[in-house]
N, C-alpha and C. Protein backbone atom coordinates (compact mmCIF):
# COMPACT_ATOMS: atom_id res chain seq x y z
N MET A 1 -183.07 104.84 93.16
CA MET A 1 -181.50 105.62 92.65
C MET A 1 -181.40 106.16 91.70
N ASN A 2 -180.36 107.24 92.23
CA ASN A 2 -179.86 108.38 91.14
C ASN A 2 -179.34 107.58 90.01
N GLU A 3 -179.37 108.14 88.54
CA GLU A 3 -178.65 107.74 87.74
C GLU A 3 -177.17 107.94 87.44
N LEU A 4 -176.55 107.23 87.92
CA LEU A 4 -175.18 107.07 87.33
C LEU A 4 -174.54 107.00 86.84
N ARG A 5 -173.41 107.81 86.33
CA ARG A 5 -172.62 108.32 85.36
C ARG A 5 -171.14 108.41 86.09
N ILE A 6 -170.75 107.83 84.92
CA ILE A 6 -168.85 107.99 85.46
C ILE A 6 -168.53 109.59 84.97
N ASN A 7 -167.27 109.89 85.11
CA ASN A 7 -166.52 110.98 85.15
C ASN A 7 -165.84 110.57 84.02
N GLY A 8 -166.60 111.27 82.53
CA GLY A 8 -166.11 111.35 80.94
C GLY A 8 -164.63 112.33 81.08
N GLU A 9 -164.68 113.11 81.91
CA GLU A 9 -162.95 113.90 82.12
C GLU A 9 -162.38 113.25 82.66
N ARG A 10 -162.40 112.71 83.47
CA ARG A 10 -161.52 111.57 84.18
C ARG A 10 -161.05 110.29 83.15
N LEU A 11 -162.62 109.85 82.90
CA LEU A 11 -161.67 108.81 81.88
C LEU A 11 -160.70 109.05 80.79
N TRP A 12 -160.71 110.16 80.10
CA TRP A 12 -160.13 110.80 79.22
C TRP A 12 -158.76 111.15 79.36
N ALA A 13 -158.86 112.07 80.93
CA ALA A 13 -157.35 112.33 81.23
C ALA A 13 -156.87 111.06 81.52
N SER A 14 -157.45 109.98 82.05
CA SER A 14 -156.45 108.76 82.43
C SER A 14 -156.30 108.30 80.76
N LEU A 15 -157.16 107.81 79.91
CA LEU A 15 -156.59 107.72 78.90
C LEU A 15 -155.43 108.37 77.87
N MET A 16 -155.33 109.56 78.14
CA MET A 16 -154.38 110.64 77.55
C MET A 16 -153.10 110.27 77.94
N GLU A 17 -153.29 109.98 79.58
CA GLU A 17 -151.80 110.20 80.40
C GLU A 17 -151.19 108.95 80.21
N LEU A 18 -151.79 107.79 79.76
CA LEU A 18 -151.42 106.03 79.40
C LEU A 18 -150.82 106.19 78.08
N ALA A 19 -151.65 106.71 76.87
CA ALA A 19 -150.92 107.35 75.86
C ALA A 19 -149.99 107.81 75.60
N ASN A 20 -149.48 109.14 76.46
CA ASN A 20 -148.03 109.30 76.52
C ASN A 20 -147.25 108.46 76.51
N ILE A 21 -147.07 107.39 77.22
CA ILE A 21 -146.08 106.67 77.63
C ILE A 21 -145.89 105.35 76.63
N GLY A 22 -145.35 105.61 75.44
CA GLY A 22 -144.90 105.03 74.29
C GLY A 22 -145.15 105.78 73.26
N ALA A 23 -145.81 107.28 73.59
CA ALA A 23 -146.35 107.83 72.20
C ALA A 23 -145.53 107.77 70.72
N THR A 24 -146.44 107.89 69.82
CA THR A 24 -145.32 107.94 68.41
C THR A 24 -145.96 109.49 67.86
N PRO A 25 -144.38 109.87 67.41
CA PRO A 25 -144.96 110.95 66.66
C PRO A 25 -146.05 111.18 65.82
N LYS A 26 -146.62 110.24 64.97
CA LYS A 26 -147.94 110.03 64.31
C LYS A 26 -148.96 109.67 65.22
N GLY A 27 -149.21 110.21 66.45
CA GLY A 27 -150.18 110.08 67.27
C GLY A 27 -150.52 108.70 67.93
N GLY A 28 -150.11 107.60 67.74
CA GLY A 28 -150.00 106.40 68.25
C GLY A 28 -148.99 105.91 69.27
N VAL A 29 -149.23 104.97 69.39
CA VAL A 29 -148.39 104.05 70.41
C VAL A 29 -147.62 103.40 70.77
N LYS A 30 -146.72 102.80 70.95
CA LYS A 30 -145.47 101.74 70.77
C LYS A 30 -145.39 101.37 72.18
N ARG A 31 -145.87 100.53 72.53
CA ARG A 31 -145.68 100.14 74.12
C ARG A 31 -145.53 98.73 74.51
N LEU A 32 -144.99 97.66 73.98
CA LEU A 32 -144.53 96.55 73.48
C LEU A 32 -144.26 96.49 75.24
N ALA A 33 -145.14 94.40 74.84
CA ALA A 33 -145.27 94.15 76.04
C ALA A 33 -143.97 93.87 77.53
N LEU A 34 -143.83 93.85 78.34
CA LEU A 34 -143.09 93.73 79.27
C LEU A 34 -141.74 94.13 78.79
N THR A 35 -141.95 95.71 78.49
CA THR A 35 -140.39 96.41 77.94
C THR A 35 -140.21 97.14 79.12
N ASP A 36 -139.62 98.41 79.15
CA ASP A 36 -139.42 99.09 80.20
C ASP A 36 -140.84 100.20 80.19
N LEU A 37 -141.22 100.36 78.63
CA LEU A 37 -142.55 101.49 78.40
C LEU A 37 -143.96 100.70 79.44
N ASP A 38 -143.95 99.40 78.75
CA ASP A 38 -144.97 98.63 79.64
C ASP A 38 -144.74 98.85 81.03
N ARG A 39 -143.85 98.70 81.59
CA ARG A 39 -143.41 98.80 82.81
C ARG A 39 -143.81 100.29 83.54
N GLN A 40 -143.93 100.83 82.74
CA GLN A 40 -144.01 102.80 83.34
C GLN A 40 -145.89 102.51 83.56
N GLY A 41 -146.03 101.78 81.84
CA GLY A 41 -147.98 101.83 81.73
C GLY A 41 -148.39 101.08 83.31
N ARG A 42 -147.72 100.41 83.05
CA ARG A 42 -148.02 99.19 84.57
C ARG A 42 -147.93 99.90 85.75
N ASP A 43 -147.05 100.31 86.13
CA ASP A 43 -146.76 101.02 86.98
C ASP A 43 -147.60 102.39 87.48
N LEU A 44 -148.25 102.68 86.36
CA LEU A 44 -149.55 104.05 86.48
C LEU A 44 -150.65 103.75 86.95
N VAL A 45 -150.81 102.53 86.05
CA VAL A 45 -152.62 102.37 86.09
C VAL A 45 -152.70 101.85 87.65
N VAL A 46 -151.67 100.70 87.99
CA VAL A 46 -151.91 100.52 89.35
C VAL A 46 -151.76 101.02 90.46
N GLY A 47 -151.04 102.36 90.46
CA GLY A 47 -150.97 103.55 91.00
C GLY A 47 -152.33 104.27 91.15
N TRP A 48 -153.31 103.91 90.00
CA TRP A 48 -154.13 104.30 90.23
C TRP A 48 -155.41 103.66 90.25
N GLY A 49 -154.87 102.29 90.68
CA GLY A 49 -155.49 101.64 91.28
C GLY A 49 -155.72 101.70 92.52
N ARG A 50 -154.72 101.68 93.10
CA ARG A 50 -154.50 101.95 94.86
C ARG A 50 -155.33 103.26 95.00
N ALA A 51 -155.05 103.97 94.28
CA ALA A 51 -155.55 105.62 95.02
C ALA A 51 -156.73 104.93 94.93
N ALA A 52 -157.95 104.32 94.31
CA ALA A 52 -158.49 103.90 94.25
C ALA A 52 -159.60 103.12 95.59
N GLY A 53 -158.54 102.61 96.33
CA GLY A 53 -158.49 101.64 97.77
C GLY A 53 -158.71 100.20 97.05
N LEU A 54 -158.03 100.03 95.68
CA LEU A 54 -158.01 98.61 95.49
C LEU A 54 -157.05 97.53 95.77
N ALA A 55 -157.23 96.08 96.30
CA ALA A 55 -155.88 95.54 96.27
C ALA A 55 -155.64 94.72 94.98
N ILE A 56 -154.24 94.98 94.86
CA ILE A 56 -153.40 94.40 93.65
C ILE A 56 -153.21 93.11 94.00
N THR A 57 -153.10 92.27 92.52
CA THR A 57 -152.68 90.72 93.12
C THR A 57 -151.94 90.69 91.60
N ILE A 58 -150.43 90.43 91.39
CA ILE A 58 -149.86 90.30 90.26
C ILE A 58 -150.17 88.29 90.41
N ASP A 59 -150.28 87.83 88.81
CA ASP A 59 -149.87 86.52 88.84
C ASP A 59 -148.63 85.87 87.99
N GLN A 60 -148.32 84.87 88.45
CA GLN A 60 -147.32 84.53 87.87
C GLN A 60 -146.84 84.49 86.55
N ILE A 61 -147.60 84.88 85.44
CA ILE A 61 -147.08 85.57 84.12
C ILE A 61 -147.06 86.93 83.97
N GLY A 62 -147.53 87.78 85.42
CA GLY A 62 -147.54 88.96 85.11
C GLY A 62 -148.95 89.89 84.96
N ASN A 63 -150.15 89.23 84.66
CA ASN A 63 -151.40 89.73 84.48
C ASN A 63 -151.54 90.33 86.01
N VAL A 64 -152.12 91.43 86.01
CA VAL A 64 -152.45 92.36 87.01
C VAL A 64 -154.04 92.16 87.02
N PHE A 65 -154.54 91.59 88.56
CA PHE A 65 -156.05 91.66 88.88
C PHE A 65 -156.26 92.63 90.05
N MET A 66 -156.73 93.98 90.24
CA MET A 66 -157.18 95.22 90.84
C MET A 66 -158.50 94.99 91.53
N ARG A 67 -158.85 94.58 92.64
CA ARG A 67 -160.22 93.96 93.75
C ARG A 67 -160.42 94.84 94.14
N ARG A 68 -161.70 95.27 93.82
CA ARG A 68 -162.30 95.99 95.40
C ARG A 68 -163.73 95.18 95.77
N GLU A 69 -163.57 94.71 97.30
CA GLU A 69 -164.81 93.63 97.43
C GLU A 69 -165.98 94.20 97.65
N GLY A 70 -166.99 93.19 97.54
CA GLY A 70 -168.22 93.43 97.66
C GLY A 70 -168.86 92.89 98.85
N SER A 71 -169.77 93.07 98.90
CA SER A 71 -170.39 92.59 100.44
C SER A 71 -170.87 91.04 100.84
N ASN A 72 -170.36 90.43 99.48
CA ASN A 72 -170.71 88.23 99.88
C ASN A 72 -169.00 87.89 99.46
N ALA A 73 -167.77 88.08 99.99
CA ALA A 73 -166.93 87.33 99.37
C ALA A 73 -166.99 86.14 99.07
N ALA A 74 -167.84 85.39 99.11
CA ALA A 74 -167.63 83.98 98.95
C ALA A 74 -168.00 84.07 96.85
N LEU A 75 -168.78 85.28 96.49
CA LEU A 75 -169.32 85.31 95.21
C LEU A 75 -167.78 85.49 94.31
N ALA A 76 -168.21 84.92 93.23
CA ALA A 76 -167.11 85.17 92.32
C ALA A 76 -167.21 86.61 91.55
N PRO A 77 -166.03 87.16 91.46
CA PRO A 77 -166.13 88.12 90.97
C PRO A 77 -166.57 89.00 89.87
N ILE A 78 -166.85 89.68 89.55
CA ILE A 78 -167.20 90.22 88.19
C ILE A 78 -165.57 90.43 87.60
N VAL A 79 -165.27 90.69 86.54
CA VAL A 79 -163.99 90.63 86.24
C VAL A 79 -164.07 91.33 84.76
N THR A 80 -163.82 92.54 84.26
CA THR A 80 -163.66 93.58 83.19
C THR A 80 -162.04 93.81 83.01
N GLY A 81 -162.17 94.24 82.21
CA GLY A 81 -160.66 94.22 81.38
C GLY A 81 -160.15 94.31 80.46
N SER A 82 -158.94 94.77 79.97
CA SER A 82 -158.26 94.21 78.90
C SER A 82 -156.79 93.60 78.65
N HIS A 83 -156.01 94.85 77.84
CA HIS A 83 -154.42 94.64 77.89
C HIS A 83 -154.25 96.48 77.87
N ILE A 84 -152.65 96.71 78.04
CA ILE A 84 -152.49 97.67 78.08
C ILE A 84 -151.18 97.89 77.11
N ASP A 85 -150.64 96.49 76.65
CA ASP A 85 -149.22 96.18 75.34
C ASP A 85 -150.01 96.77 74.02
N THR A 86 -148.90 97.39 73.38
CA THR A 86 -149.55 97.27 72.00
C THR A 86 -148.73 96.57 71.12
N GLN A 87 -149.34 96.78 69.85
CA GLN A 87 -148.36 96.49 68.69
C GLN A 87 -147.64 97.79 68.37
N PRO A 88 -146.56 96.64 67.63
CA PRO A 88 -145.42 98.36 67.09
C PRO A 88 -146.06 99.35 66.44
N THR A 89 -146.82 99.66 65.90
CA THR A 89 -148.12 101.09 65.24
C THR A 89 -149.09 100.95 65.98
N GLY A 90 -149.02 100.58 67.18
CA GLY A 90 -150.31 100.48 68.06
C GLY A 90 -151.32 101.92 67.90
N GLY A 91 -152.60 101.82 68.63
CA GLY A 91 -153.30 103.24 68.19
C GLY A 91 -153.49 103.35 69.96
N LYS A 92 -154.00 104.53 70.73
CA LYS A 92 -154.01 104.91 72.03
C LYS A 92 -154.78 104.09 72.65
N PHE A 93 -156.26 103.66 71.65
CA PHE A 93 -157.41 103.02 72.48
C PHE A 93 -157.17 101.53 72.60
N ASP A 94 -156.83 100.33 71.78
CA ASP A 94 -156.84 99.47 71.63
C ASP A 94 -156.30 98.88 72.92
N GLY A 95 -157.19 98.21 74.04
CA GLY A 95 -156.85 97.37 74.87
C GLY A 95 -156.79 98.70 76.31
N ASN A 96 -156.56 99.90 76.22
CA ASN A 96 -156.50 100.78 77.25
C ASN A 96 -157.85 101.61 77.47
N TYR A 97 -158.46 101.07 76.62
CA TYR A 97 -159.83 101.74 77.10
C TYR A 97 -161.20 100.52 78.11
N GLY A 98 -160.27 99.13 77.36
CA GLY A 98 -161.02 98.14 78.72
C GLY A 98 -160.80 98.30 79.47
N VAL A 99 -159.33 98.66 80.32
CA VAL A 99 -158.89 98.97 81.28
C VAL A 99 -159.67 99.96 82.06
N LEU A 100 -159.14 101.22 81.52
CA LEU A 100 -159.39 101.84 81.94
C LEU A 100 -161.13 102.26 82.67
N ALA A 101 -161.57 101.70 81.51
CA ALA A 101 -163.14 102.15 81.75
C ALA A 101 -163.56 101.44 82.90
N GLY A 102 -163.27 100.20 83.06
CA GLY A 102 -163.17 99.33 84.18
C GLY A 102 -163.35 100.04 85.46
N LEU A 103 -161.89 100.53 85.13
CA LEU A 103 -161.33 101.57 86.90
C LEU A 103 -162.22 102.86 87.03
N GLU A 104 -162.51 103.36 85.53
CA GLU A 104 -163.60 104.50 85.92
C GLU A 104 -164.46 103.94 86.61
N VAL A 105 -165.51 102.85 86.34
CA VAL A 105 -166.63 102.41 87.16
C VAL A 105 -165.99 102.07 88.56
N VAL A 106 -165.09 101.81 88.63
CA VAL A 106 -164.71 101.58 89.97
C VAL A 106 -164.72 102.78 91.04
N ARG A 107 -163.86 103.58 90.30
CA ARG A 107 -163.82 104.78 91.01
C ARG A 107 -165.46 105.79 91.35
N THR A 108 -166.21 105.73 90.25
CA THR A 108 -167.91 105.96 90.33
C THR A 108 -168.51 105.40 91.05
N LEU A 109 -168.43 103.89 91.12
CA LEU A 109 -168.95 103.33 92.65
C LEU A 109 -168.34 103.88 94.05
N ASN A 110 -167.06 104.41 94.13
CA ASN A 110 -166.63 104.42 95.73
C ASN A 110 -167.05 105.57 95.64
N GLU A 111 -167.17 106.68 94.84
CA GLU A 111 -167.58 107.86 94.71
C GLU A 111 -169.21 107.69 95.51
N GLN A 112 -170.02 106.91 94.77
CA GLN A 112 -171.08 107.17 95.28
C GLN A 112 -171.93 106.24 96.29
N ASN A 113 -170.34 105.82 96.70
CA ASN A 113 -170.66 104.64 97.98
C ASN A 113 -171.72 104.01 97.76
N ILE A 114 -171.56 103.52 96.94
CA ILE A 114 -172.46 102.22 96.36
C ILE A 114 -171.29 100.81 96.77
N THR A 115 -172.07 99.61 97.22
CA THR A 115 -171.39 98.61 97.84
C THR A 115 -172.09 97.22 96.79
N THR A 116 -171.03 96.53 95.76
CA THR A 116 -172.15 95.38 95.44
C THR A 116 -171.87 94.20 95.77
N GLU A 117 -172.76 93.52 95.58
CA GLU A 117 -172.80 92.13 96.48
C GLU A 117 -171.52 91.57 95.90
N ALA A 118 -171.14 91.15 94.95
CA ALA A 118 -170.08 90.75 94.36
C ALA A 118 -168.99 91.76 94.39
N PRO A 119 -167.68 90.84 94.48
CA PRO A 119 -166.42 91.52 94.13
C PRO A 119 -166.00 92.23 92.59
N ILE A 120 -166.00 93.06 92.63
CA ILE A 120 -165.27 93.36 90.87
C ILE A 120 -163.68 93.50 90.99
N GLU A 121 -163.67 93.06 89.57
CA GLU A 121 -161.72 92.86 89.63
C GLU A 121 -161.91 93.86 88.77
N VAL A 122 -160.96 94.35 88.42
CA VAL A 122 -160.07 95.20 86.76
C VAL A 122 -158.60 94.39 86.61
N ALA A 123 -158.72 93.71 85.50
CA ALA A 123 -157.59 93.02 85.32
C ALA A 123 -156.95 93.58 84.14
N PHE A 124 -155.62 93.68 83.56
CA PHE A 124 -155.22 93.43 82.34
C PHE A 124 -154.15 92.40 82.47
N TRP A 125 -154.37 91.74 80.79
CA TRP A 125 -153.26 90.95 80.72
C TRP A 125 -151.88 91.49 80.26
N THR A 126 -151.01 90.68 80.30
CA THR A 126 -149.58 90.39 80.04
C THR A 126 -149.51 89.65 78.59
N ASN A 127 -149.08 90.62 77.48
CA ASN A 127 -148.66 90.26 76.52
C ASN A 127 -149.85 89.27 75.08
N GLU A 128 -151.04 90.51 75.64
CA GLU A 128 -152.04 90.40 74.57
C GLU A 128 -151.65 90.33 73.06
N GLU A 129 -151.24 91.20 72.68
CA GLU A 129 -151.03 91.72 71.67
C GLU A 129 -149.63 90.68 70.64
N GLY A 130 -148.96 90.06 71.75
CA GLY A 130 -147.87 89.03 70.93
C GLY A 130 -147.17 89.14 70.11
N SER A 131 -146.66 91.04 70.34
CA SER A 131 -146.04 91.27 69.06
C SER A 131 -144.20 91.23 69.57
N ARG A 132 -144.29 90.91 70.86
CA ARG A 132 -142.76 90.50 71.26
C ARG A 132 -142.39 89.01 71.50
N PHE A 133 -143.60 88.31 72.00
CA PHE A 133 -143.50 86.88 72.54
C PHE A 133 -144.73 86.05 71.82
N VAL A 134 -144.66 84.69 71.60
CA VAL A 134 -145.72 84.07 70.77
C VAL A 134 -146.07 83.01 72.18
N PRO A 135 -147.22 82.78 72.47
CA PRO A 135 -148.36 82.98 71.12
C PRO A 135 -149.10 84.07 71.81
N VAL A 136 -149.78 85.08 71.16
CA VAL A 136 -150.68 85.98 71.26
C VAL A 136 -151.68 85.27 72.21
N MET A 137 -151.97 86.43 73.12
CA MET A 137 -153.16 86.27 74.59
C MET A 137 -152.67 85.51 75.10
N MET A 138 -151.19 85.48 75.68
CA MET A 138 -150.56 84.82 76.58
C MET A 138 -150.96 84.70 77.62
N GLY A 139 -151.09 86.34 78.64
CA GLY A 139 -151.53 85.86 79.43
C GLY A 139 -152.96 85.74 80.03
N SER A 140 -154.22 85.59 79.40
CA SER A 140 -155.04 85.35 79.15
C SER A 140 -155.42 84.10 79.26
N GLY A 141 -154.68 83.76 78.35
CA GLY A 141 -154.54 82.02 77.93
C GLY A 141 -153.84 81.30 79.21
N VAL A 142 -152.84 81.85 79.88
CA VAL A 142 -152.25 80.98 81.19
C VAL A 142 -153.53 81.44 82.37
N PHE A 143 -154.04 82.15 82.45
CA PHE A 143 -155.60 82.35 83.04
C PHE A 143 -156.22 81.39 83.03
N CYS A 144 -156.50 81.15 82.15
CA CYS A 144 -157.78 80.01 81.54
C CYS A 144 -157.02 78.65 81.29
N GLY A 145 -155.81 78.71 81.54
CA GLY A 145 -155.45 77.02 81.49
C GLY A 145 -155.33 76.38 80.42
N ALA A 146 -154.97 77.37 79.63
CA ALA A 146 -155.17 77.24 77.70
C ALA A 146 -153.44 76.55 77.82
N PHE A 147 -152.50 77.02 78.18
CA PHE A 147 -150.89 76.79 78.36
C PHE A 147 -150.60 76.41 79.18
């Protein structure tokens, strides 16, 4: 098997494009959960997921799951991801990197025509930072049954 490498330039470009949504004058990002800016970020990332051929589902609290099927649909998916909401004075990479790195892995697998046995899902959770609504980690907490 050839050595797989993600496209680092594409990942960087994706990170920078998402960071433009809610960009602050000092180089940070303010994209609070469930605001218009959060919606713009979600729409952007979901668009990238669709372009990569992923099936998009959104649960009852707004968590987004972007799924790439594997050869054995009976297997539980391998899930990766994070969040794209920020603190009021957030950084460009917190959360975003986890989501977009997962998406970049899927893009690379697609380009190399590699089929995984298990499905892969790239998830991003709603209100992980908790800067607008309590509790923190609300989306992942609902998903796990904690709330």
